[in-house]
Amino acid sequence: MRGRRKNHNALERRRREDLKRSFRELRQVVDELAGNERAAKVLILHKATELAAELRDTEHHIPLPG
């Protein structure tokens, strides 16, 4: 039983580290938050969502050649 628990704990630690790394990477992509080491996760998600919407809207307004 201990082996299963240790394995589960190790997997959970890895999952949390991956999540933290992903938030750090996302924070660096959002210019407004780049370098802000203390930005809350909810703020990172909110600003990234705003940025994605802006990029989507900009893409729809770019005239296609031809």
C-alpha atoms as a PDB file:
ATOM      1  CA  MET A   1       0.000   0.000   0.000  1.00  0.00           C
ATOM      2  CA  ARG A   2       2.864   2.393   0.814  1.00  0.00           C
ATOM      3  CA  GLY A   3       4.322   1.938  -2.649  1.00  0.00           C
ATOM      4  CA  ARG A   4       1.074   2.993  -4.285  1.00  0.00           C
ATOM      5  CA  ARG A   5       0.818   6.040  -2.033  1.00  0.00           C
ATOM      6  CA  LYS A   6       4.417   7.076  -2.749  1.00  0.00           C
ATOM      7  CA  ASN A   7       3.825   6.664  -6.460  1.00  0.00           C
ATOM      8  CA  HIS A   8       0.607   8.684  -6.271  1.00  0.00           C
ATOM      9  CA  ASN A   9       2.360  11.436  -4.288  1.00  0.00           C
ATOM     10  CA  ALA A  10       5.183  11.570  -6.828  1.00  0.00           C
ATOM     11  CA  LEU A  11       2.711  11.811  -9.706  1.00  0.00           C
ATOM     12  CA  GLU A  12       0.796  14.562  -7.916  1.00  0.00           C
ATOM     13  CA  ARG A  13       4.028  16.524  -7.279  1.00  0.00           C
ATOM     14  CA  ARG A  14       4.915  16.216 -10.967  1.00  0.00           C
ATOM     15  CA  ARG A  15       1.424  17.378 -11.965  1.00  0.00           C
ATOM     16  CA  ARG A  16       1.681  20.433  -9.682  1.00  0.00           C
ATOM     17  CA  GLU A  17       5.147  21.289 -11.015  1.00  0.00           C
ATOM     18  CA  ASP A  18       3.888  21.018 -14.601  1.00  0.00           C
ATOM     19  CA  LEU A  19       0.980  23.295 -13.755  1.00  0.00           C
ATOM     20  CA  LYS A  20       3.288  25.855 -12.109  1.00  0.00           C
ATOM     21  CA  ARG A  21       5.630  25.758 -15.109  1.00  0.00           C
ATOM     22  CA  SER A  22       2.718  26.275 -17.483  1.00  0.00           C
ATOM     23  CA  PHE A  23       1.501  29.299 -15.534  1.00  0.00           C
ATOM     24  CA  ARG A  24       5.035  30.773 -15.538  1.00  0.00           C
ATOM     25  CA  GLU A  25       5.278  30.305 -19.314  1.00  0.00           C
ATOM     26  CA  LEU A  26       1.830  31.789 -19.895  1.00  0.00           C
ATOM     27  CA  ARG A  27       2.655  34.769 -17.662  1.00  0.00           C
ATOM     28  CA  GLN A  28       5.758  35.495 -19.763  1.00  0.00           C
ATOM     29  CA  VAL A  29       3.728  35.464 -22.997  1.00  0.00           C
ATOM     30  CA  VAL A  30       1.350  38.132 -21.683  1.00  0.00           C
ATOM     31  CA  ASP A  31       3.382  41.352 -21.986  1.00  0.00           C
ATOM     32  CA  GLU A  32       1.376  43.069 -19.260  1.00  0.00           C
ATOM     33  CA  LEU A  33       2.395  40.369 -16.754  1.00  0.00           C
ATOM     34  CA  ALA A  34       5.890  39.451 -17.949  1.00  0.00           C
ATOM     35  CA  GLY A  35       8.276  39.755 -15.042  1.00  0.00           C
ATOM     36  CA  ASN A  36       5.490  39.982 -12.455  1.00  0.00           C
ATOM     37  CA  GLU A  37       6.445  36.994 -10.340  1.00  0.00           C
ATOM     38  CA  ARG A  38       3.541  37.565  -7.945  1.00  0.00           C
ATOM     39  CA  ALA A  39       0.691  37.622 -10.481  1.00  0.00           C
ATOM     40  CA  ALA A  40      -2.214  35.486  -9.278  1.00  0.00           C
ATOM     41  CA  LYS A  41      -3.187  32.495 -11.385  1.00  0.00           C
ATOM     42  CA  VAL A  42      -6.670  33.894 -11.953  1.00  0.00           C
ATOM     43  CA  LEU A  43      -5.130  37.161 -13.213  1.00  0.00           C
ATOM     44  CA  ILE A  44      -2.834  35.244 -15.564  1.00  0.00           C
ATOM     45  CA  LEU A  45      -5.812  33.347 -16.983  1.00  0.00           C
ATOM     46  CA  HIS A  46      -7.909  36.508 -17.272  1.00  0.00           C
ATOM     47  CA  LYS A  47      -5.199  38.498 -19.090  1.00  0.00           C
ATOM     48  CA  ALA A  48      -4.316  35.559 -21.358  1.00  0.00           C
ATOM     49  CA  THR A  49      -7.995  35.220 -22.290  1.00  0.00           C
ATOM     50  CA  GLU A  50      -8.158  38.939 -23.102  1.00  0.00           C
ATOM     51  CA  LEU A  51      -5.015  38.645 -25.233  1.00  0.00           C
ATOM     52  CA  ALA A  52      -6.406  35.633 -27.112  1.00  0.00           C
ATOM     53  CA  ALA A  53      -9.640  37.528 -27.833  1.00  0.00           C
ATOM     54  CA  GLU A  54      -7.672  40.552 -29.091  1.00  0.00           C
ATOM     55  CA  LEU A  55      -5.575  38.347 -31.363  1.00  0.00           C
ATOM     56  CA  ARG A  56      -8.686  36.616 -32.686  1.00  0.00           C
ATOM     57  CA  ASP A  57     -10.377  39.949 -33.423  1.00  0.00           C
ATOM     58  CA  THR A  58      -7.230  41.319 -35.075  1.00  0.00           C
ATOM     59  CA  GLU A  59      -6.955  38.216 -37.249  1.00  0.00           C
ATOM     60  CA  HIS A  60     -10.520  38.668 -38.482  1.00  0.00           C
ATOM     61  CA  HIS A  61      -9.779  42.246 -39.572  1.00  0.00           C
ATOM     62  CA  ILE A  62      -6.638  41.499 -41.583  1.00  0.00           C
ATOM     63  CA  PRO A  63      -7.424  41.740 -45.310  1.00  0.00           C
ATOM     64  CA  LEU A  64      -6.462  38.662 -47.279  1.00  0.00           C
ATOM     65  CA  PRO A  65      -4.300  39.141 -50.387  1.00  0.00           C
ATOM     66  CA  GLY A  66      -5.836  38.413 -53.713  1.00  0.00           C
END
